[in-house]
Structure formats: structure tokens, C-alpha cells
Amino acid sequence: MGRRRNQARRQGHALPLTLALTPTLALTPTLALTRHTTKGTLGWGPRAVGGFTTLDEPTYLRSSAAQRLATLGPWSLGGKAGLLFFRQGRLHSPWGAGTWGIGADGAPTMSLGKCGAWRLALDDEGGGFLAEHAQSGRSVRGELPEGTDPRYDGDGDAILAATAAEGGGGKGGTMVRRLLGTGPWVWTGVAAVGFLRRGVLHTPWGAGRWKPHDSGDGTIVASFVGEEHIVTFGECASFSFRRVRDGDKGVGSMGQQKAAEVCAELDAEHV
């Protein structure tokens, strides 16, 4: 089992999760998802990395900066798009996987593998940040896509309240709030999919939309590349989907990239 996991990590495939769930939990996907985001998977839980502790769920719920980073996006860094901050301190980037958390001074900090640790200073309006490299002191700019509204719906952890586009307090709202900012999700073996605020769906094939299904049964509708999919979340942070047009089916789960090794756009000569 250990050899299979190590091989999967090297190949950047989705990894099985190590949650021991009872058959009862298999019938309650929102509870299983909460258990996952609280516990972490395969060593992704809170731990000291690069002088900071990776984000855990209690810190996420307390920190408006963490909520902003995880539920908005995708961010660009050094002009390179595709940076996603996920709950439980997981980071997906154009260069590979990393970790992130909130430092003792309250500032977000991320570790990009061999590309080093970076301290983030968010703009007052929340639509961008300046990332300072811990080792060299050089800085690069991080930004949201043009046209993205970074404003809160309220103060503090009120950013977790689903907006009208995300279901609000109506049918499906509970699942939406649990799903926001979790990941990285792997769709039929391809990463990363992210469920962001105001119904924004990040996929490897381009931007899409997501919302709770009208049934209110915990399923969601994910739309991208002109296709609608009905997505059902199961145990151990996994999901299955059915394409509306032709009934084609598939599965997915949480996964991770290979750790970042070379970040050309962040090197001194490019900054």
C-alpha cells in the first residue's frame, strides 16, 4: 500500500484518503466532507513548514485573510495565473504543490517547495497582495482576475455565508458552505478543480459556474466548456458526476500535484 501511494504521489495522481468512515457516514456526504477538512489527509493536516504552521480549519474560520484567499480566485503570481489557496493549507500553483498558513503575526505565508517561503501582504481592498520571498527579500505581485469583485458580504467570518448565487440559506446552502474553498479536486484524473465564491468554478479546461441543485439533496450543478454536470459528493472527499447532455458518468476525489521545484516567473531575474 505504501509503495502504491508513493508512486501515485510521484505521478501527481489523486490519492486515496485515510479516513475511517462508518457506513452511516457514507450516506451523509456533507458530514464526510467536514470530517475530511477537519482531519486532513495523508499528512496534509496542520504541521510546521517553512517557519509557519499550515492552515487548519479553526484558524480558517477565525481569519478573514484566510477566508478571502481560499474562497476567491484563481490568483496570479508574478504574472502567472492558476494559483489556488485551499482550506487545510493546501496550495495549487502553476509550478507545483505547496502549503500555506497564517503566521504568528496574522500574515498569510506560503511555501512553494524548492521555490521557498513567501510572506503575503494583502491589499486593503483584498483584490491583490504583495508576496515577499523570505530568503532573498524580493517581492512579486499577486492578483485576482480582472473584473473579480473581492468585497466581503460582511465582516469577519461572514464571508463564509453563501451568497444568493451560491444558494444562501435555502436548499443546498449547507453543502455549498462546506464545499467553498476545499480542494484541490481532481476531475477524472485532471487537477485542479476549485469551488469558489459567487458560483465561480475553476477547472483545468477553463472557467465555469457551480450552484446547488434544485433538489436540495446535497448535489450541485457544475457547468463548464458548454456542458452541465450533476455532481454528488460521497464519503472520503470523493464525488461522482453525470453529464446532463448524454448521461456520461465519471468520478473524482481530492488529489495533489508534485511539489514545486522550479518557479521561473518568481526568480530574481524575472521579478
Protein backbone atom coordinates (compact mmCIF):
# COMPACT_ATOMS: atom_id res chain seq x y z
CA MET A 1 0.00 0.00 0.00
CA GLY A 2 2.85 2.39 0.89
CA ARG A 3 4.57 1.74 -2.48
CA ARG A 4 1.32 2.47 -4.38
CA ARG A 5 0.86 5.77 -2.52
CA ASN A 6 4.46 6.84 -3.18
CA GLN A 7 4.08 6.01 -6.88
CA ALA A 8 0.83 7.97 -7.05
CA ARG A 9 2.47 10.97 -5.44
CA ARG A 10 5.34 10.93 -7.95
CA GLN A 11 2.92 10.77 -10.86
CA GLY A 12 0.71 13.57 -9.49
CA HIS A 13 -2.39 11.37 -9.33
CA ALA A 14 -5.27 11.58 -6.93
CA LEU A 15 -4.55 9.80 -3.69
CA PRO A 16 -6.90 7.67 -1.61
CA LEU A 17 -7.90 9.34 1.63
CA THR A 18 -7.22 7.79 5.01
CA LEU A 19 -10.49 8.48 6.79
CA ALA A 20 -12.10 5.57 8.58
CA LEU A 21 -15.78 6.35 7.95
CA THR A 22 -18.67 4.22 9.07
CA PRO A 23 -21.40 3.08 6.62
CA THR A 24 -23.67 5.72 8.20
CA LEU A 25 -21.27 8.49 7.21
CA ALA A 26 -21.27 7.21 3.65
CA LEU A 27 -24.91 8.30 3.49
CA THR A 28 -24.16 11.84 4.65
CA PRO A 29 -21.68 13.43 2.22
CA THR A 30 -21.67 16.83 3.91
CA LEU A 31 -20.62 15.27 7.21
CA ALA A 32 -17.94 13.21 5.49
CA LEU A 33 -16.61 16.35 3.81
CA THR A 34 -16.49 18.18 7.13
CA ARG A 35 -14.62 15.27 8.72
CA HIS A 36 -12.14 15.44 5.85
CA THR A 37 -11.49 19.18 6.07
CA THR A 38 -11.03 18.91 9.82
CA LYS A 39 -8.68 15.94 9.84
CA GLY A 40 -6.65 16.48 6.66
CA THR A 41 -5.37 13.60 4.52
CA LEU A 42 -2.12 11.75 4.06
CA GLY A 43 -0.08 14.14 6.17
CA TRP A 44 -1.76 17.29 4.82
CA GLY A 45 -3.02 18.25 8.28
CA PRO A 46 -1.55 21.10 10.35
CA ARG A 47 2.22 20.92 10.74
CA ALA A 48 5.19 23.28 10.90
CA VAL A 49 6.59 24.04 7.44
CA GLY A 50 8.96 26.85 6.47
CA GLY A 51 8.60 28.67 9.79
CA PHE A 52 4.81 28.60 9.93
CA THR A 53 2.04 26.10 10.65
CA THR A 54 -0.14 25.01 7.75
CA LEU A 55 -3.69 26.27 7.89
CA ASP A 56 -6.18 24.26 9.94
CA GLU A 57 -9.96 24.61 10.00
CA PRO A 58 -10.26 26.58 13.28
CA THR A 59 -7.72 29.13 12.01
CA TYR A 60 -9.51 29.33 8.68
CA LEU A 61 -12.80 30.09 10.42
CA ARG A 62 -11.18 32.85 12.51
CA SER A 63 -9.09 34.53 9.82
CA SER A 64 -10.74 36.86 7.31
CA ALA A 65 -7.48 36.86 5.30
CA ALA A 66 -7.52 33.05 5.05
CA GLN A 67 -11.17 33.03 4.02
CA ARG A 68 -10.54 35.65 1.36
CA LEU A 69 -7.60 33.77 -0.15
CA ALA A 70 -9.34 30.37 -0.14
CA THR A 71 -12.75 31.37 -1.46
CA LEU A 72 -11.64 33.83 -4.14
CA GLY A 73 -9.50 33.11 -7.20
CA PRO A 74 -7.83 31.88 -9.20
CA TRP A 75 -4.98 34.20 -8.26
CA SER A 76 -1.98 35.04 -10.41
CA LEU A 77 1.55 35.40 -9.04
CA GLY A 78 4.37 37.08 -10.90
CA GLY A 79 2.02 37.35 -13.88
CA LYS A 80 1.42 33.57 -13.98
CA ALA A 81 -2.23 32.54 -13.50
CA GLY A 82 -3.57 29.45 -11.72
CA LEU A 83 -2.72 29.92 -8.03
CA LEU A 84 -5.36 28.46 -5.69
CA PHE A 85 -5.34 28.55 -1.88
CA PHE A 86 -7.35 25.71 -0.33
CA ARG A 87 -8.60 25.02 3.15
CA GLN A 88 -6.39 22.83 5.36
CA GLY A 89 -3.33 24.63 3.99
CA ARG A 90 -3.15 23.06 0.54
CA LEU A 91 -1.82 25.14 -2.33
CA HIS A 92 -2.11 24.51 -6.08
CA SER A 93 0.16 26.59 -8.30
CA PRO A 94 1.36 26.73 -11.93
CA TRP A 95 4.70 25.36 -10.69
CA GLY A 96 3.51 22.59 -8.41
CA ALA A 97 2.07 21.92 -4.97
CA GLY A 98 2.76 23.91 -1.84
CA THR A 99 1.38 24.68 1.60
CA TRP A 100 0.19 27.84 3.31
CA GLY A 101 -0.98 29.14 6.64
CA ILE A 102 -1.32 32.17 8.89
CA GLY A 103 1.82 33.28 10.73
CA ALA A 104 2.03 34.37 14.36
CA ASP A 105 1.72 37.99 13.20
CA GLY A 106 -1.50 37.21 11.33
CA ALA A 107 0.07 37.44 7.88
CA PRO A 108 -0.58 34.67 5.33
CA THR A 109 2.56 32.72 4.44
CA MET A 110 3.07 30.12 1.72
CA SER A 111 5.77 27.57 1.00
CA LEU A 112 6.30 26.62 -2.65
CA GLY A 113 8.58 23.62 -2.30
CA LYS A 114 12.08 24.40 -3.60
CA CYS A 115 10.90 27.88 -4.61
CA GLY A 116 10.94 28.93 -0.97
CA ALA A 117 8.65 30.58 1.55
CA TRP A 118 6.73 33.80 0.83
CA ARG A 119 5.01 36.22 3.21
CA LEU A 120 1.85 37.84 1.83
CA ALA A 121 0.60 41.37 2.49
CA LEU A 122 -2.98 41.74 1.24
CA ASP A 123 -4.19 44.99 -0.27
CA ASP A 124 -6.79 46.90 1.73
CA GLU A 125 -9.50 46.13 -0.84
CA GLY A 126 -8.50 42.45 -0.93
CA GLY A 127 -8.05 42.11 -4.68
CA GLY A 128 -4.31 41.57 -4.61
CA PHE A 129 -1.24 41.05 -2.45
CA LEU A 130 2.50 41.54 -2.38
CA ALA A 131 4.49 38.36 -1.78
CA GLU A 132 7.94 38.77 -0.20
CA HIS A 133 10.45 35.95 -0.54
CA ALA A 134 11.67 35.01 2.95
CA GLN A 135 15.22 34.14 1.85
CA SER A 136 16.04 36.96 -0.60
CA GLY A 137 13.55 39.71 0.29
CA ARG A 138 12.46 40.16 -3.34
CA SER A 139 8.78 40.80 -3.95
CA VAL A 140 6.26 39.74 -6.59
CA ARG A 141 2.68 40.80 -7.15
CA GLY A 142 -0.36 38.54 -6.73
CA GLU A 143 -3.74 39.48 -8.20
CA LEU A 144 -7.25 38.27 -8.89
CA PRO A 145 -8.50 38.11 -12.49
CA GLU A 146 -9.69 41.42 -13.88
CA GLY A 147 -13.34 42.02 -13.06
CA THR A 148 -13.39 39.86 -9.92
CA ASP A 149 -15.20 41.54 -7.02
CA PRO A 150 -13.13 40.91 -3.87
CA ARG A 151 -15.57 42.51 -1.43
CA TYR A 152 -16.90 40.71 1.64
CA ASP A 153 -20.59 40.05 2.16
CA GLY A 154 -19.94 41.10 5.76
CA ASP A 155 -17.20 41.30 8.36
CA GLY A 156 -15.07 38.54 9.81
CA ASP A 157 -16.22 35.00 9.12
CA ALA A 158 -19.37 36.30 7.40
CA ILE A 159 -17.50 35.67 4.16
CA LEU A 160 -18.45 32.02 4.71
CA ALA A 161 -22.15 32.84 4.30
CA ALA A 162 -23.21 31.66 0.87
CA THR A 163 -24.31 34.44 -1.48
CA ALA A 164 -27.60 34.32 -3.37
CA ALA A 165 -25.81 32.79 -6.35
CA GLU A 166 -24.45 30.05 -4.11
CA GLY A 167 -27.72 29.04 -2.51
CA GLY A 168 -27.84 31.33 0.50
CA GLY A 169 -29.67 29.75 3.41
CA GLY A 170 -32.06 27.91 1.10
CA LYS A 171 -31.90 24.46 -0.42
CA GLY A 172 -28.33 23.30 -0.89
CA GLY A 173 -26.83 26.19 1.08
CA THR A 174 -25.30 23.95 3.74
CA MET A 175 -23.42 21.87 1.17
CA VAL A 176 -22.25 24.99 -0.63
CA ARG A 177 -20.77 26.48 2.53
CA ARG A 178 -18.99 23.21 3.30
CA LEU A 179 -17.62 22.95 -0.24
CA LEU A 180 -16.37 26.53 -0.63
CA GLY A 181 -12.58 26.72 -0.72
CA THR A 182 -11.96 22.97 -0.37
CA GLY A 183 -9.61 21.08 -2.66
CA PRO A 184 -7.71 20.56 -4.79
CA TRP A 185 -10.29 18.35 -6.51
CA VAL A 186 -9.27 16.04 -9.34
CA TRP A 187 -11.87 15.53 -12.11
CA THR A 188 -11.37 12.23 -13.99
CA GLY A 189 -7.67 12.35 -13.13
CA VAL A 190 -7.09 16.01 -14.02
CA ALA A 191 -6.37 18.72 -11.40
CA ALA A 192 -7.27 21.17 -10.13
CA VAL A 193 -10.94 21.96 -9.73
CA GLY A 194 -11.91 24.61 -7.19
CA PHE A 195 -15.33 25.75 -5.94
CA LEU A 196 -15.06 29.50 -5.33
CA ARG A 197 -17.31 32.34 -4.23
CA ARG A 198 -20.26 33.70 -6.19
CA GLY A 199 -20.56 30.47 -8.13
CA VAL A 200 -17.12 30.68 -9.78
CA LEU A 201 -15.79 27.26 -10.79
CA HIS A 202 -12.10 26.85 -11.61
CA THR A 203 -11.27 23.90 -13.90
CA PRO A 204 -8.22 22.90 -15.98
CA TRP A 205 -10.38 23.41 -19.09
CA GLY A 206 -11.41 26.97 -18.33
CA ALA A 207 -13.69 28.94 -16.06
CA GLY A 208 -17.15 27.62 -15.24
CA ARG A 209 -20.07 28.06 -12.85
CA TRP A 210 -21.49 25.98 -10.00
CA LYS A 211 -24.60 26.09 -7.84
CA PRO A 212 -26.68 23.78 -5.63
CA HIS A 213 -29.07 21.51 -7.49
CA ASP A 214 -32.74 22.47 -7.28
CA SER A 215 -33.47 19.19 -5.48
CA GLY A 216 -31.65 20.47 -2.37
CA ASP A 217 -30.33 16.97 -1.73
CA GLY A 218 -26.65 17.97 -1.42
CA THR A 219 -25.82 17.61 -5.10
CA ILE A 220 -24.51 20.50 -7.16
CA VAL A 221 -24.59 21.56 -10.81
CA ALA A 222 -21.17 22.22 -12.35
CA SER A 223 -21.12 23.88 -15.77
CA PHE A 224 -18.00 24.32 -17.92
CA VAL A 225 -17.00 24.06 -21.61
CA GLY A 226 -20.67 24.26 -22.54
CA GLU A 227 -21.72 21.19 -20.55
CA GLU A 228 -23.75 20.76 -17.36
CA HIS A 229 -22.86 18.07 -14.84
CA ILE A 230 -24.78 16.84 -11.81
CA VAL A 231 -22.20 16.20 -9.07
CA THR A 232 -22.80 14.04 -6.00
CA PHE A 233 -20.27 14.02 -3.15
CA GLY A 234 -19.66 10.75 -1.36
CA GLU A 235 -17.52 9.50 1.50
CA CYS A 236 -13.82 10.28 1.93
CA ALA A 237 -13.92 13.51 -0.11
CA SER A 238 -14.86 11.80 -3.36
CA PHE A 239 -17.54 12.56 -5.92
CA SER A 240 -19.33 11.15 -8.92
CA PHE A 241 -20.89 13.10 -11.78
CA ARG A 242 -23.33 12.66 -14.62
CA ARG A 243 -23.20 14.82 -17.73
CA VAL A 244 -26.68 16.13 -18.44
CA ARG A 245 -26.50 16.06 -22.25
CA ASP A 246 -25.75 12.37 -22.72
CA GLY A 247 -25.64 10.75 -19.28
CA ASP A 248 -21.88 10.15 -19.43
CA LYS A 249 -20.56 9.37 -15.95
CA GLY A 250 -17.27 9.77 -14.13
CA VAL A 251 -15.66 10.15 -10.71
CA GLY A 252 -13.20 12.32 -8.88
CA SER A 253 -11.62 12.97 -5.49
CA MET A 254 -9.12 15.18 -3.77
CA GLY A 255 -5.56 14.91 -5.04
CA GLN A 256 -2.26 16.73 -5.11
CA GLN A 257 0.43 17.86 -7.52
CA LYS A 258 4.09 17.11 -7.31
CA ALA A 259 5.80 19.69 -5.08
CA ALA A 260 7.05 22.84 -6.81
CA GLU A 261 10.71 22.66 -7.88
CA VAL A 262 11.31 25.42 -10.45
CA CYS A 263 9.37 28.72 -10.45
CA ALA A 264 10.89 30.67 -13.36
CA GLU A 265 8.50 33.63 -13.08
CA LEU A 266 9.47 34.08 -9.43
CA ASP A 267 13.25 34.00 -9.96
CA ALA A 268 15.16 37.21 -9.27
CA GLU A 269 15.87 37.94 -12.93
CA HIS A 270 12.16 37.80 -13.75
CA VAL A 271 10.99 39.97 -10.85
